[in-house]
């Protein structure tokens, strides 16, 4: 985690890591620091990282589409998924299910958008956020405390209404707070001055709640 400070920590095959190792990510993800205590020594290490996890749908990795090729019994699939605890998953802001593309798309080999174009949009979005937080101790949306984000950088009325709907159905405020930060990032990427209903709706969908909360 410390080696990934100010960068990306990518865990491939995340459910294969031990449960204590995965649970050990939770507090540093919130505080950006690691506290270590050993015999005769205690210290604090920096750990402000962006976490990316990848996981197969089941232990054999073949439970895709109809899952006809999967040989895993249902209880094994449930145990595999349960290795990523609810509190850890709750801290993942963007959750995407990847499906195998059609053969024709694989054969085509072209991309809708090149990396240079994406980099340009991201650079512009970060510049917008930096200008918005000028004079503040933050530079990007992820650094802003939830209370400050809600008070000073709320979405427009339609976006706020959708966010309130999410809050009424949430067991905690972490989800709506993180949705708001992602909505701001989406607004920055499109060059908007403030998140609207579409930005909030997309942020909810990216969090994996699209079935319950639609835009």
N, C-alpha and C. Protein backbone atom coordinates (compact mmCIF):
# COMPACT_ATOMS: atom_id res chain seq x y z
N UNK A 1 0.82 -1.20 0.00
CA UNK A 1 0.00 0.00 0.00
C UNK A 1 0.86 1.26 0.00
N UNK A 2 1.95 1.24 0.75
CA UNK A 2 2.83 2.40 0.78
C UNK A 2 3.55 2.58 -0.54
N UNK A 3 3.95 1.49 -1.17
CA UNK A 3 4.60 1.59 -2.48
C UNK A 3 3.64 2.18 -3.52
N UNK A 4 2.34 2.02 -3.30
CA UNK A 4 1.34 2.55 -4.23
C UNK A 4 0.89 3.96 -3.85
N UNK A 5 1.53 4.59 -2.88
CA UNK A 5 1.14 5.94 -2.43
C UNK A 5 1.16 6.91 -3.61
N UNK A 6 0.07 7.66 -3.77
CA UNK A 6 -0.14 8.60 -4.88
C UNK A 6 -0.20 7.89 -6.23
N UNK A 7 -0.51 6.60 -6.20
CA UNK A 7 -0.64 5.86 -7.45
C UNK A 7 -1.79 4.88 -7.36
N UNK A 8 -1.69 3.80 -8.12
CA UNK A 8 -2.75 2.80 -8.21
C UNK A 8 -2.24 1.48 -7.63
N UNK A 9 -3.04 0.90 -6.75
CA UNK A 9 -2.78 -0.44 -6.22
C UNK A 9 -3.75 -1.39 -6.91
N UNK A 10 -3.24 -2.25 -7.78
CA UNK A 10 -4.08 -3.17 -8.55
C UNK A 10 -3.92 -4.58 -8.01
N UNK A 11 -5.00 -5.18 -7.58
CA UNK A 11 -5.01 -6.55 -7.10
C UNK A 11 -5.76 -7.42 -8.10
N UNK A 12 -5.04 -8.19 -8.87
CA UNK A 12 -5.67 -9.12 -9.81
C UNK A 12 -6.10 -10.37 -9.06
N UNK A 13 -7.17 -11.01 -9.50
CA UNK A 13 -7.70 -12.18 -8.80
C UNK A 13 -7.90 -11.86 -7.32
N UNK A 14 -8.57 -10.75 -7.04
CA UNK A 14 -8.68 -10.25 -5.66
C UNK A 14 -9.22 -11.28 -4.67
N UNK A 15 -10.23 -12.10 -5.02
CA UNK A 15 -10.73 -13.07 -4.02
C UNK A 15 -9.71 -14.12 -3.61
N UNK A 16 -8.61 -14.24 -4.35
CA UNK A 16 -7.59 -15.23 -3.99
C UNK A 16 -6.67 -14.72 -2.88
N UNK A 17 -6.73 -13.41 -2.58
CA UNK A 17 -5.95 -12.90 -1.45
C UNK A 17 -6.61 -13.34 -0.15
N UNK A 18 -5.83 -13.41 0.91
CA UNK A 18 -6.39 -13.83 2.19
C UNK A 18 -7.38 -12.78 2.69
N UNK A 19 -8.34 -13.22 3.48
CA UNK A 19 -9.34 -12.30 4.03
C UNK A 19 -8.69 -11.22 4.91
N UNK A 20 -7.73 -11.56 5.80
CA UNK A 20 -7.08 -10.49 6.58
C UNK A 20 -6.37 -9.46 5.72
N UNK A 21 -5.73 -9.90 4.63
CA UNK A 21 -5.04 -8.96 3.75
C UNK A 21 -6.03 -8.00 3.10
N UNK A 22 -7.16 -8.53 2.65
CA UNK A 22 -8.16 -7.68 2.02
C UNK A 22 -8.79 -6.73 3.03
N UNK A 23 -9.12 -7.23 4.21
CA UNK A 23 -9.73 -6.37 5.22
C UNK A 23 -8.76 -5.29 5.69
N UNK A 24 -7.46 -5.59 5.59
CA UNK A 24 -6.46 -4.61 5.97
C UNK A 24 -6.41 -3.39 5.07
N UNK A 25 -7.10 -3.45 3.94
CA UNK A 25 -7.16 -2.31 3.03
C UNK A 25 -8.14 -1.24 3.49
N UNK A 26 -9.11 -1.62 4.30
CA UNK A 26 -10.24 -0.73 4.56
C UNK A 26 -9.86 0.57 5.24
N UNK A 27 -9.15 0.51 6.34
CA UNK A 27 -8.82 1.74 7.06
C UNK A 27 -7.89 2.64 6.27
N UNK A 28 -6.83 2.11 5.65
CA UNK A 28 -5.99 2.98 4.83
C UNK A 28 -6.75 3.64 3.68
N UNK A 29 -7.75 2.96 3.13
CA UNK A 29 -8.54 3.57 2.06
C UNK A 29 -9.28 4.81 2.56
N UNK A 30 -9.62 4.84 3.83
CA UNK A 30 -10.33 5.98 4.40
C UNK A 30 -9.36 7.08 4.84
N UNK A 31 -8.24 6.68 5.46
CA UNK A 31 -7.35 7.66 6.08
C UNK A 31 -6.16 8.06 5.22
N UNK A 32 -5.79 7.19 4.26
CA UNK A 32 -4.60 7.45 3.46
C UNK A 32 -3.30 7.18 4.20
N UNK A 33 -3.41 6.46 5.33
CA UNK A 33 -2.22 6.15 6.14
C UNK A 33 -2.30 4.72 6.66
N UNK A 34 -1.14 4.18 6.99
CA UNK A 34 -1.05 2.86 7.63
C UNK A 34 -0.33 3.04 8.96
N UNK A 35 -0.92 2.51 10.01
CA UNK A 35 -0.27 2.51 11.32
C UNK A 35 0.26 1.11 11.58
N UNK A 36 1.55 1.02 11.84
CA UNK A 36 2.18 -0.27 12.12
C UNK A 36 2.79 -0.25 13.51
N UNK A 37 2.63 -1.35 14.20
CA UNK A 37 3.20 -1.48 15.53
C UNK A 37 3.90 -2.83 15.63
N UNK A 38 5.18 -2.80 15.89
CA UNK A 38 5.97 -4.01 16.04
C UNK A 38 6.69 -3.95 17.38
N UNK A 39 7.38 -4.99 17.71
CA UNK A 39 8.10 -5.05 18.97
C UNK A 39 9.15 -3.93 19.03
N UNK A 40 8.92 -2.98 19.93
CA UNK A 40 9.86 -1.88 20.10
C UNK A 40 9.79 -0.80 19.04
N UNK A 41 8.79 -0.85 18.18
CA UNK A 41 8.71 0.15 17.12
C UNK A 41 7.26 0.37 16.71
N UNK A 42 6.89 1.61 16.46
CA UNK A 42 5.57 1.96 15.94
C UNK A 42 5.75 3.11 14.97
N UNK A 43 5.02 3.09 13.89
CA UNK A 43 5.19 4.14 12.90
C UNK A 43 3.98 4.30 12.01
N UNK A 44 3.95 5.42 11.30
CA UNK A 44 2.88 5.73 10.37
C UNK A 44 3.47 5.86 8.98
N UNK A 45 2.87 5.18 8.02
CA UNK A 45 3.36 5.20 6.64
C UNK A 45 2.29 5.78 5.72
N UNK A 46 2.67 6.50 4.68
CA UNK A 46 1.68 7.06 3.75
C UNK A 46 1.08 5.98 2.88
N UNK A 47 -0.21 6.08 2.61
CA UNK A 47 -0.90 5.07 1.79
C UNK A 47 -2.14 5.66 1.13
N UNK A 48 -1.97 6.78 0.45
CA UNK A 48 -3.09 7.38 -0.28
C UNK A 48 -3.06 6.82 -1.71
N UNK A 49 -3.72 5.70 -1.91
CA UNK A 49 -3.67 5.01 -3.20
C UNK A 49 -5.08 4.89 -3.79
N UNK A 50 -5.10 4.66 -5.09
CA UNK A 50 -6.36 4.33 -5.76
C UNK A 50 -6.39 2.82 -5.93
N UNK A 51 -7.42 2.19 -5.42
CA UNK A 51 -7.50 0.73 -5.43
C UNK A 51 -8.30 0.24 -6.64
N UNK A 52 -7.73 -0.72 -7.35
CA UNK A 52 -8.43 -1.38 -8.45
C UNK A 52 -8.40 -2.88 -8.19
N UNK A 53 -9.55 -3.50 -8.19
CA UNK A 53 -9.66 -4.94 -7.97
C UNK A 53 -10.21 -5.61 -9.23
N UNK A 54 -9.72 -6.78 -9.52
CA UNK A 54 -10.28 -7.60 -10.60
C UNK A 54 -10.61 -8.97 -10.02
N UNK A 55 -11.73 -9.52 -10.43
CA UNK A 55 -12.15 -10.82 -9.90
C UNK A 55 -12.91 -11.59 -10.96
N UNK A 56 -12.69 -12.88 -10.99
CA UNK A 56 -13.47 -13.76 -11.86
C UNK A 56 -14.86 -13.95 -11.26
N UNK A 57 -15.83 -14.37 -12.05
CA UNK A 57 -17.18 -14.59 -11.52
C UNK A 57 -17.29 -15.84 -10.66
N UNK A 58 -16.28 -16.71 -10.70
CA UNK A 58 -16.31 -17.96 -9.93
C UNK A 58 -14.89 -18.49 -9.86
N UNK A 59 -14.63 -19.52 -9.05
CA UNK A 59 -13.26 -20.04 -8.94
C UNK A 59 -12.66 -20.51 -10.26
N UNK A 60 -13.44 -21.14 -11.13
CA UNK A 60 -12.88 -21.62 -12.40
C UNK A 60 -12.80 -20.53 -13.46
N UNK A 61 -13.53 -19.44 -13.25
CA UNK A 61 -13.48 -18.31 -14.17
C UNK A 61 -14.33 -18.45 -15.41
N UNK A 62 -15.15 -19.48 -15.50
CA UNK A 62 -15.92 -19.72 -16.72
C UNK A 62 -17.41 -19.43 -16.57
N UNK A 63 -17.79 -18.84 -15.45
CA UNK A 63 -19.21 -18.55 -15.22
C UNK A 63 -19.57 -17.21 -15.89
N UNK A 64 -19.52 -17.18 -17.19
CA UNK A 64 -19.84 -15.99 -17.97
C UNK A 64 -21.00 -16.33 -18.91
N UNK A 65 -21.76 -15.29 -19.26
CA UNK A 65 -22.94 -15.53 -20.09
C UNK A 65 -23.89 -16.48 -19.38
N UNK A 66 -24.21 -17.56 -20.03
CA UNK A 66 -25.07 -18.58 -19.41
C UNK A 66 -24.32 -19.48 -18.44
N UNK A 67 -23.00 -19.37 -18.44
CA UNK A 67 -22.20 -20.16 -17.50
C UNK A 67 -22.18 -21.64 -17.80
N UNK A 68 -22.43 -22.01 -19.05
CA UNK A 68 -22.53 -23.42 -19.39
C UNK A 68 -21.21 -24.16 -19.18
N UNK A 69 -20.09 -23.47 -19.33
CA UNK A 69 -18.79 -24.13 -19.20
C UNK A 69 -18.30 -24.19 -17.76
N UNK A 70 -19.03 -23.56 -16.82
CA UNK A 70 -18.59 -23.51 -15.43
C UNK A 70 -18.85 -24.84 -14.73
N UNK A 71 -17.85 -25.31 -14.00
CA UNK A 71 -17.97 -26.58 -13.27
C UNK A 71 -18.08 -26.37 -11.77
N UNK A 72 -18.22 -25.11 -11.33
CA UNK A 72 -18.24 -24.82 -9.90
C UNK A 72 -19.63 -25.05 -9.31
N UNK A 73 -19.74 -25.77 -8.19
CA UNK A 73 -21.03 -25.91 -7.52
C UNK A 73 -21.47 -24.57 -6.95
N UNK A 74 -22.79 -24.36 -6.77
CA UNK A 74 -23.29 -23.06 -6.29
C UNK A 74 -22.67 -22.61 -4.99
N UNK A 75 -22.44 -23.54 -4.04
CA UNK A 75 -21.87 -23.13 -2.76
C UNK A 75 -20.44 -22.62 -2.92
N UNK A 76 -19.70 -23.17 -3.90
CA UNK A 76 -18.34 -22.70 -4.15
C UNK A 76 -18.36 -21.28 -4.72
N UNK A 77 -19.33 -21.00 -5.57
CA UNK A 77 -19.46 -19.66 -6.14
C UNK A 77 -19.78 -18.65 -5.04
N UNK A 78 -20.69 -19.04 -4.12
CA UNK A 78 -21.05 -18.14 -3.02
C UNK A 78 -19.87 -17.88 -2.09
N UNK A 79 -19.12 -18.93 -1.79
CA UNK A 79 -17.94 -18.76 -0.93
C UNK A 79 -16.91 -17.87 -1.59
N UNK A 80 -16.74 -18.04 -2.89
CA UNK A 80 -15.77 -17.24 -3.63
C UNK A 80 -16.14 -15.76 -3.58
N UNK A 81 -17.42 -15.46 -3.84
CA UNK A 81 -17.88 -14.07 -3.83
C UNK A 81 -17.79 -13.47 -2.43
N UNK A 82 -18.02 -14.29 -1.40
CA UNK A 82 -18.02 -13.80 -0.02
C UNK A 82 -16.64 -13.42 0.48
N UNK A 83 -15.60 -13.76 -0.26
CA UNK A 83 -14.25 -13.38 0.16
C UNK A 83 -14.05 -11.88 0.10
N UNK A 84 -14.83 -11.21 -0.73
CA UNK A 84 -14.83 -9.74 -0.75
C UNK A 84 -15.97 -9.29 0.14
N UNK A 85 -15.67 -8.83 1.33
CA UNK A 85 -16.69 -8.51 2.32
C UNK A 85 -17.51 -7.30 1.89
N UNK A 86 -18.70 -7.19 2.46
CA UNK A 86 -19.56 -6.05 2.19
C UNK A 86 -18.92 -4.72 2.51
N UNK A 87 -18.29 -4.56 3.69
CA UNK A 87 -17.64 -3.29 4.00
C UNK A 87 -16.53 -2.91 3.02
N UNK A 88 -15.81 -3.91 2.50
CA UNK A 88 -14.76 -3.60 1.52
C UNK A 88 -15.39 -3.19 0.19
N UNK A 89 -16.37 -3.94 -0.27
CA UNK A 89 -17.03 -3.62 -1.54
C UNK A 89 -17.72 -2.26 -1.46
N UNK A 90 -18.22 -1.92 -0.27
CA UNK A 90 -18.88 -0.63 -0.08
C UNK A 90 -17.93 0.54 -0.33
N UNK A 91 -16.63 0.28 -0.24
CA UNK A 91 -15.64 1.33 -0.47
C UNK A 91 -15.17 1.40 -1.92
N UNK A 92 -15.73 0.55 -2.77
CA UNK A 92 -15.40 0.56 -4.19
C UNK A 92 -16.43 1.43 -4.90
N UNK A 93 -16.00 2.54 -5.47
CA UNK A 93 -16.92 3.52 -6.04
C UNK A 93 -17.46 3.13 -7.41
N UNK A 94 -16.66 2.44 -8.20
CA UNK A 94 -17.05 2.08 -9.56
C UNK A 94 -16.92 0.57 -9.71
N UNK A 95 -18.02 -0.07 -10.08
CA UNK A 95 -18.04 -1.53 -10.22
C UNK A 95 -18.56 -1.85 -11.61
N UNK A 96 -17.77 -2.56 -12.37
CA UNK A 96 -18.10 -2.85 -13.76
C UNK A 96 -18.00 -4.35 -14.00
N UNK A 97 -19.02 -4.91 -14.65
CA UNK A 97 -19.00 -6.31 -15.06
C UNK A 97 -18.59 -6.36 -16.53
N UNK A 98 -17.51 -7.07 -16.82
CA UNK A 98 -17.03 -7.20 -18.18
C UNK A 98 -17.57 -8.48 -18.80
N UNK A 99 -18.01 -8.38 -20.02
CA UNK A 99 -18.50 -9.56 -20.75
C UNK A 99 -17.64 -9.75 -21.99
N UNK A 100 -17.59 -10.96 -22.46
CA UNK A 100 -16.80 -11.26 -23.66
C UNK A 100 -17.43 -10.57 -24.86
N UNK A 101 -16.66 -9.79 -25.60
CA UNK A 101 -17.21 -9.12 -26.78
C UNK A 101 -17.45 -10.11 -27.91
N UNK A 102 -18.32 -9.78 -28.84
CA UNK A 102 -18.54 -10.67 -29.99
C UNK A 102 -17.26 -10.85 -30.80
N UNK A 103 -17.18 -11.98 -31.49
CA UNK A 103 -16.00 -12.26 -32.29
C UNK A 103 -15.75 -11.19 -33.33
N UNK A 104 -16.84 -10.67 -33.93
CA UNK A 104 -16.68 -9.65 -34.96
C UNK A 104 -16.01 -8.41 -34.39
N UNK A 105 -16.34 -8.07 -33.15
CA UNK A 105 -15.73 -6.90 -32.52
C UNK A 105 -14.27 -7.15 -32.21
N UNK A 106 -13.94 -8.38 -31.81
CA UNK A 106 -12.54 -8.71 -31.56
C UNK A 106 -11.73 -8.66 -32.84
N UNK A 107 -12.30 -9.13 -33.93
CA UNK A 107 -11.59 -9.15 -35.21
C UNK A 107 -11.36 -7.74 -35.74
N UNK A 108 -12.28 -6.82 -35.43
CA UNK A 108 -12.16 -5.46 -35.96
C UNK A 108 -10.93 -4.77 -35.41
N UNK A 109 -10.70 -4.90 -34.10
CA UNK A 109 -9.47 -4.42 -33.50
C UNK A 109 -9.34 -2.92 -33.37
N UNK A 110 -10.36 -2.15 -33.72
CA UNK A 110 -10.22 -0.70 -33.59
C UNK A 110 -10.79 -0.24 -32.26
N UNK A 111 -10.46 0.98 -31.88
CA UNK A 111 -10.90 1.55 -30.62
C UNK A 111 -11.74 2.78 -30.89
N UNK A 112 -12.77 2.98 -30.06
CA UNK A 112 -13.60 4.15 -30.22
C UNK A 112 -12.85 5.42 -29.86
N UNK A 113 -11.91 5.32 -28.94
CA UNK A 113 -11.20 6.49 -28.46
C UNK A 113 -9.77 6.09 -28.12
N UNK A 114 -8.80 6.86 -28.61
CA UNK A 114 -7.41 6.51 -28.35
C UNK A 114 -6.99 7.03 -26.97
N UNK A 115 -5.89 6.51 -26.47
CA UNK A 115 -5.42 6.87 -25.14
C UNK A 115 -5.09 8.35 -25.02
N UNK A 116 -4.55 8.95 -26.09
CA UNK A 116 -4.21 10.37 -26.04
C UNK A 116 -5.46 11.23 -25.85
N UNK A 117 -6.55 10.84 -26.50
CA UNK A 117 -7.81 11.59 -26.34
C UNK A 117 -8.32 11.48 -24.91
N UNK A 118 -8.28 10.27 -24.36
CA UNK A 118 -8.73 10.07 -22.98
C UNK A 118 -7.86 10.87 -22.02
N UNK A 119 -6.56 10.82 -22.23
CA UNK A 119 -5.64 11.57 -21.37
C UNK A 119 -5.96 13.06 -21.41
N UNK A 120 -6.27 13.58 -22.58
CA UNK A 120 -6.60 14.99 -22.69
C UNK A 120 -7.84 15.35 -21.90
N UNK A 121 -8.87 14.51 -21.97
CA UNK A 121 -10.09 14.77 -21.21
C UNK A 121 -9.85 14.70 -19.71
N UNK A 122 -9.04 13.73 -19.29
CA UNK A 122 -8.74 13.60 -17.86
C UNK A 122 -7.94 14.80 -17.37
N UNK A 123 -6.97 15.24 -18.16
CA UNK A 123 -6.18 16.41 -17.78
C UNK A 123 -7.06 17.64 -17.62
N UNK A 124 -7.98 17.83 -18.55
CA UNK A 124 -8.90 18.97 -18.47
C UNK A 124 -9.81 18.85 -17.24
N UNK A 125 -10.27 17.64 -16.96
CA UNK A 125 -11.16 17.44 -15.81
C UNK A 125 -10.42 17.74 -14.50
N UNK A 126 -9.18 17.30 -14.39
CA UNK A 126 -8.41 17.57 -13.17
C UNK A 126 -8.12 19.06 -13.03
N UNK A 127 -7.92 19.74 -14.15
CA UNK A 127 -7.70 21.18 -14.10
C UNK A 127 -8.95 21.90 -13.61
N UNK A 128 -10.12 21.45 -14.02
CA UNK A 128 -11.38 22.04 -13.56
C UNK A 128 -11.53 21.85 -12.05
N UNK A 129 -11.23 20.64 -11.58
CA UNK A 129 -11.34 20.38 -10.14
C UNK A 129 -10.34 21.22 -9.36
N UNK A 130 -9.13 21.32 -9.87
CA UNK A 130 -8.10 22.10 -9.18
C UNK A 130 -8.50 23.57 -9.09
N UNK A 131 -9.11 24.11 -10.17
CA UNK A 131 -9.56 25.50 -10.14
C UNK A 131 -10.71 25.68 -9.16
N UNK A 132 -11.60 24.70 -9.09
CA UNK A 132 -12.74 24.77 -8.18
C UNK A 132 -12.28 24.79 -6.72
N UNK A 133 -11.23 24.06 -6.42
CA UNK A 133 -10.74 23.96 -5.05
C UNK A 133 -9.58 24.91 -4.77
N UNK A 134 -9.43 25.92 -5.62
CA UNK A 134 -8.35 26.89 -5.43
C UNK A 134 -8.48 27.55 -4.05
N UNK A 135 -7.37 27.59 -3.33
CA UNK A 135 -7.38 28.14 -1.99
C UNK A 135 -7.82 27.17 -0.93
N UNK A 136 -8.19 25.94 -1.33
CA UNK A 136 -8.60 24.90 -0.40
C UNK A 136 -7.49 23.85 -0.29
N UNK A 137 -7.51 23.02 0.73
CA UNK A 137 -6.43 22.02 0.89
C UNK A 137 -6.63 20.77 0.04
N UNK A 138 -7.48 20.85 -0.99
CA UNK A 138 -7.77 19.68 -1.83
C UNK A 138 -7.51 20.03 -3.29
N UNK A 139 -7.24 19.00 -4.07
CA UNK A 139 -7.00 19.19 -5.50
C UNK A 139 -7.94 18.37 -6.36
N UNK A 140 -8.42 17.25 -5.83
CA UNK A 140 -9.31 16.38 -6.60
C UNK A 140 -10.54 16.05 -5.75
N UNK A 141 -11.59 15.58 -6.41
CA UNK A 141 -12.86 15.32 -5.73
C UNK A 141 -12.73 14.29 -4.61
N UNK A 142 -11.87 13.29 -4.79
CA UNK A 142 -11.75 12.22 -3.80
C UNK A 142 -11.21 12.72 -2.47
N UNK A 143 -10.53 13.86 -2.47
CA UNK A 143 -9.91 14.37 -1.24
C UNK A 143 -10.86 15.21 -0.40
N UNK A 144 -11.97 15.64 -0.96
CA UNK A 144 -12.87 16.55 -0.25
C UNK A 144 -13.69 15.79 0.80
N UNK A 145 -13.70 16.22 2.04
CA UNK A 145 -14.54 15.56 3.06
C UNK A 145 -16.00 15.59 2.65
N UNK A 146 -16.71 14.53 3.04
CA UNK A 146 -18.11 14.39 2.62
C UNK A 146 -18.96 15.59 3.02
N UNK A 147 -18.78 16.07 4.25
CA UNK A 147 -19.59 17.19 4.71
C UNK A 147 -19.36 18.44 3.89
N UNK A 148 -18.09 18.72 3.55
CA UNK A 148 -17.78 19.89 2.73
C UNK A 148 -18.37 19.74 1.33
N UNK A 149 -18.28 18.56 0.77
CA UNK A 149 -18.82 18.33 -0.57
C UNK A 149 -20.32 18.57 -0.60
N UNK A 150 -21.02 18.10 0.42
CA UNK A 150 -22.47 18.27 0.46
C UNK A 150 -22.87 19.74 0.66
N UNK A 151 -22.15 20.43 1.53
CA UNK A 151 -22.52 21.82 1.83
C UNK A 151 -22.16 22.79 0.72
N UNK A 152 -21.00 22.60 0.13
CA UNK A 152 -20.47 23.63 -0.77
C UNK A 152 -20.55 23.25 -2.24
N UNK A 153 -20.63 21.96 -2.52
CA UNK A 153 -20.63 21.54 -3.92
C UNK A 153 -21.72 20.50 -4.18
N UNK A 154 -22.93 20.87 -3.86
CA UNK A 154 -24.07 19.99 -4.09
C UNK A 154 -24.43 19.96 -5.58
N UNK A 155 -25.09 18.93 -6.05
CA UNK A 155 -25.52 18.91 -7.46
C UNK A 155 -26.67 19.88 -7.69
N UNK A 156 -27.13 20.00 -8.93
CA UNK A 156 -28.25 20.88 -9.22
C UNK A 156 -29.52 20.28 -8.61
N UNK A 157 -30.65 21.00 -8.59
CA UNK A 157 -31.85 20.51 -7.90
C UNK A 157 -32.31 19.12 -8.33
N UNK A 158 -32.28 18.83 -9.64
CA UNK A 158 -32.71 17.50 -10.09
C UNK A 158 -31.72 16.43 -9.64
N UNK A 159 -30.43 16.74 -9.70
CA UNK A 159 -29.43 15.80 -9.23
C UNK A 159 -29.54 15.58 -7.73
N UNK A 160 -29.80 16.66 -6.98
CA UNK A 160 -29.95 16.55 -5.53
C UNK A 160 -31.16 15.70 -5.17
N UNK A 161 -32.23 15.83 -5.94
CA UNK A 161 -33.43 15.03 -5.68
C UNK A 161 -33.14 13.54 -5.87
N UNK A 162 -32.41 13.20 -6.92
CA UNK A 162 -32.05 11.80 -7.15
C UNK A 162 -31.14 11.28 -6.05
N UNK A 163 -30.23 12.14 -5.59
CA UNK A 163 -29.33 11.74 -4.51
C UNK A 163 -30.10 11.50 -3.22
N UNK A 164 -31.12 12.31 -2.96
CA UNK A 164 -31.96 12.10 -1.77
C UNK A 164 -32.71 10.77 -1.85
N UNK A 165 -33.16 10.40 -3.05
CA UNK A 165 -33.82 9.10 -3.21
C UNK A 165 -32.87 7.97 -2.85
N UNK A 166 -31.63 8.11 -3.26
CA UNK A 166 -30.63 7.09 -2.92
C UNK A 166 -30.40 7.04 -1.42
N UNK A 167 -30.33 8.21 -0.78
CA UNK A 167 -30.09 8.26 0.66
C UNK A 167 -31.19 7.57 1.44
N UNK A 168 -32.43 7.74 0.99
CA UNK A 168 -33.56 7.12 1.71
C UNK A 168 -33.50 5.60 1.64
N UNK A 169 -32.87 5.06 0.62
CA UNK A 169 -32.79 3.61 0.50
C UNK A 169 -31.46 3.02 0.92
N UNK A 170 -30.54 3.86 1.42
CA UNK A 170 -29.21 3.39 1.80
C UNK A 170 -29.12 3.10 3.28
N UNK A 171 -28.35 2.06 3.61
CA UNK A 171 -28.15 1.72 5.01
C UNK A 171 -27.16 2.66 5.68
N UNK A 172 -26.31 3.32 4.89
CA UNK A 172 -25.35 4.27 5.45
C UNK A 172 -25.14 5.39 4.45
N UNK A 173 -24.42 6.42 4.87
CA UNK A 173 -24.21 7.59 4.02
C UNK A 173 -22.96 7.47 3.15
N UNK A 174 -22.17 6.42 3.34
CA UNK A 174 -20.95 6.31 2.55
C UNK A 174 -21.28 6.21 1.07
N UNK A 175 -22.30 5.42 0.74
CA UNK A 175 -22.67 5.24 -0.66
C UNK A 175 -23.05 6.55 -1.33
N UNK A 176 -24.04 7.29 -0.80
CA UNK A 176 -24.40 8.57 -1.42
C UNK A 176 -23.25 9.57 -1.47
N UNK A 177 -22.41 9.60 -0.44
CA UNK A 177 -21.28 10.52 -0.46
C UNK A 177 -20.32 10.17 -1.60
N UNK A 178 -20.07 8.90 -1.79
CA UNK A 178 -19.16 8.49 -2.86
C UNK A 178 -19.81 8.69 -4.23
N UNK A 179 -21.11 8.50 -4.32
CA UNK A 179 -21.81 8.77 -5.56
C UNK A 179 -21.65 10.24 -5.94
N UNK A 180 -21.75 11.13 -4.96
CA UNK A 180 -21.62 12.56 -5.24
C UNK A 180 -20.23 12.89 -5.77
N UNK A 181 -19.20 12.28 -5.21
CA UNK A 181 -17.84 12.55 -5.70
C UNK A 181 -17.68 12.06 -7.15
N UNK A 182 -18.20 10.87 -7.44
CA UNK A 182 -18.11 10.36 -8.81
C UNK A 182 -18.92 11.23 -9.76
N UNK A 183 -20.08 11.71 -9.31
CA UNK A 183 -20.90 12.59 -10.14
C UNK A 183 -20.13 13.87 -10.50
N UNK A 184 -19.39 14.41 -9.53
CA UNK A 184 -18.58 15.58 -9.81
C UNK A 184 -17.50 15.27 -10.84
N UNK A 185 -16.89 14.10 -10.75
CA UNK A 185 -15.88 13.71 -11.72
C UNK A 185 -16.49 13.59 -13.11
N UNK A 186 -17.68 13.01 -13.20
CA UNK A 186 -18.36 12.90 -14.49
C UNK A 186 -18.67 14.29 -15.05
N UNK A 187 -19.11 15.19 -14.18
CA UNK A 187 -19.38 16.56 -14.63
C UNK A 187 -18.10 17.23 -15.12
N UNK A 188 -17.00 17.02 -14.41
CA UNK A 188 -15.73 17.59 -14.83
C UNK A 188 -15.30 17.03 -16.19
N UNK A 189 -15.52 15.75 -16.40
CA UNK A 189 -15.12 15.12 -17.66
C UNK A 189 -15.91 15.65 -18.85
N UNK A 190 -17.16 16.02 -18.62
CA UNK A 190 -17.97 16.55 -19.73
C UNK A 190 -17.89 18.08 -19.81
N UNK A 191 -17.15 18.69 -18.89
CA UNK A 191 -17.01 20.13 -18.92
C UNK A 191 -18.15 20.88 -18.28
N UNK A 192 -18.92 20.22 -17.42
CA UNK A 192 -20.06 20.86 -16.77
C UNK A 192 -19.65 21.65 -15.54
N UNK A 193 -20.45 22.64 -15.21
CA UNK A 193 -20.17 23.45 -14.03
C UNK A 193 -20.69 22.83 -12.74
N UNK A 194 -21.58 21.86 -12.86
CA UNK A 194 -22.22 21.28 -11.68
C UNK A 194 -22.85 19.95 -12.07
N UNK A 195 -22.80 18.93 -11.21
CA UNK A 195 -23.44 17.66 -11.56
C UNK A 195 -24.95 17.82 -11.69
N UNK A 196 -25.50 17.21 -12.72
CA UNK A 196 -26.95 17.20 -12.91
C UNK A 196 -27.52 15.82 -12.66
N UNK A 197 -28.77 15.65 -12.99
CA UNK A 197 -29.43 14.37 -12.76
C UNK A 197 -28.75 13.24 -13.53
N UNK A 198 -28.32 13.52 -14.77
CA UNK A 198 -27.65 12.48 -15.56
C UNK A 198 -26.33 12.06 -14.92
N UNK A 199 -25.58 13.03 -14.40
CA UNK A 199 -24.30 12.71 -13.76
C UNK A 199 -24.52 11.86 -12.51
N UNK A 200 -25.50 12.24 -11.69
CA UNK A 200 -25.78 11.48 -10.48
C UNK A 200 -26.30 10.09 -10.84
N UNK A 201 -27.17 10.02 -11.85
CA UNK A 201 -27.69 8.72 -12.26
C UNK A 201 -26.61 7.80 -12.79
N UNK A 202 -25.69 8.35 -13.57
CA UNK A 202 -24.59 7.53 -14.07
C UNK A 202 -23.69 7.08 -12.94
N UNK A 203 -23.44 7.96 -11.98
CA UNK A 203 -22.60 7.59 -10.83
C UNK A 203 -23.25 6.46 -10.04
N UNK A 204 -24.58 6.52 -9.88
CA UNK A 204 -25.29 5.44 -9.18
C UNK A 204 -25.16 4.15 -9.97
N UNK A 205 -25.32 4.22 -11.28
CA UNK A 205 -25.19 3.03 -12.11
C UNK A 205 -23.80 2.44 -12.05
N UNK A 206 -22.78 3.28 -12.06
CA UNK A 206 -21.41 2.80 -11.98
C UNK A 206 -21.10 2.15 -10.64
N UNK A 207 -21.83 2.55 -9.63
CA UNK A 207 -21.64 1.93 -8.31
C UNK A 207 -22.32 0.57 -8.22
N UNK A 208 -23.10 0.23 -9.23
CA UNK A 208 -23.73 -1.08 -9.26
C UNK A 208 -25.13 -1.09 -8.71
N UNK A 209 -25.76 0.09 -8.61
CA UNK A 209 -27.11 0.16 -8.07
C UNK A 209 -28.13 0.49 -9.13
N UNK A 210 -27.79 0.28 -10.40
CA UNK A 210 -28.67 0.71 -11.48
C UNK A 210 -30.02 0.00 -11.46
N UNK A 211 -30.05 -1.24 -10.96
CA UNK A 211 -31.30 -1.97 -10.94
C UNK A 211 -32.31 -1.35 -9.98
N UNK A 212 -31.80 -0.72 -8.91
CA UNK A 212 -32.70 -0.16 -7.91
C UNK A 212 -32.93 1.33 -8.12
N UNK A 213 -31.87 2.01 -8.60
CA UNK A 213 -31.95 3.48 -8.74
C UNK A 213 -31.71 3.83 -10.19
N UNK A 214 -32.70 4.24 -10.89
CA UNK A 214 -32.55 4.58 -12.30
C UNK A 214 -32.57 6.09 -12.47
N UNK A 215 -31.87 6.54 -13.51
CA UNK A 215 -31.84 7.96 -13.81
C UNK A 215 -32.92 8.29 -14.81
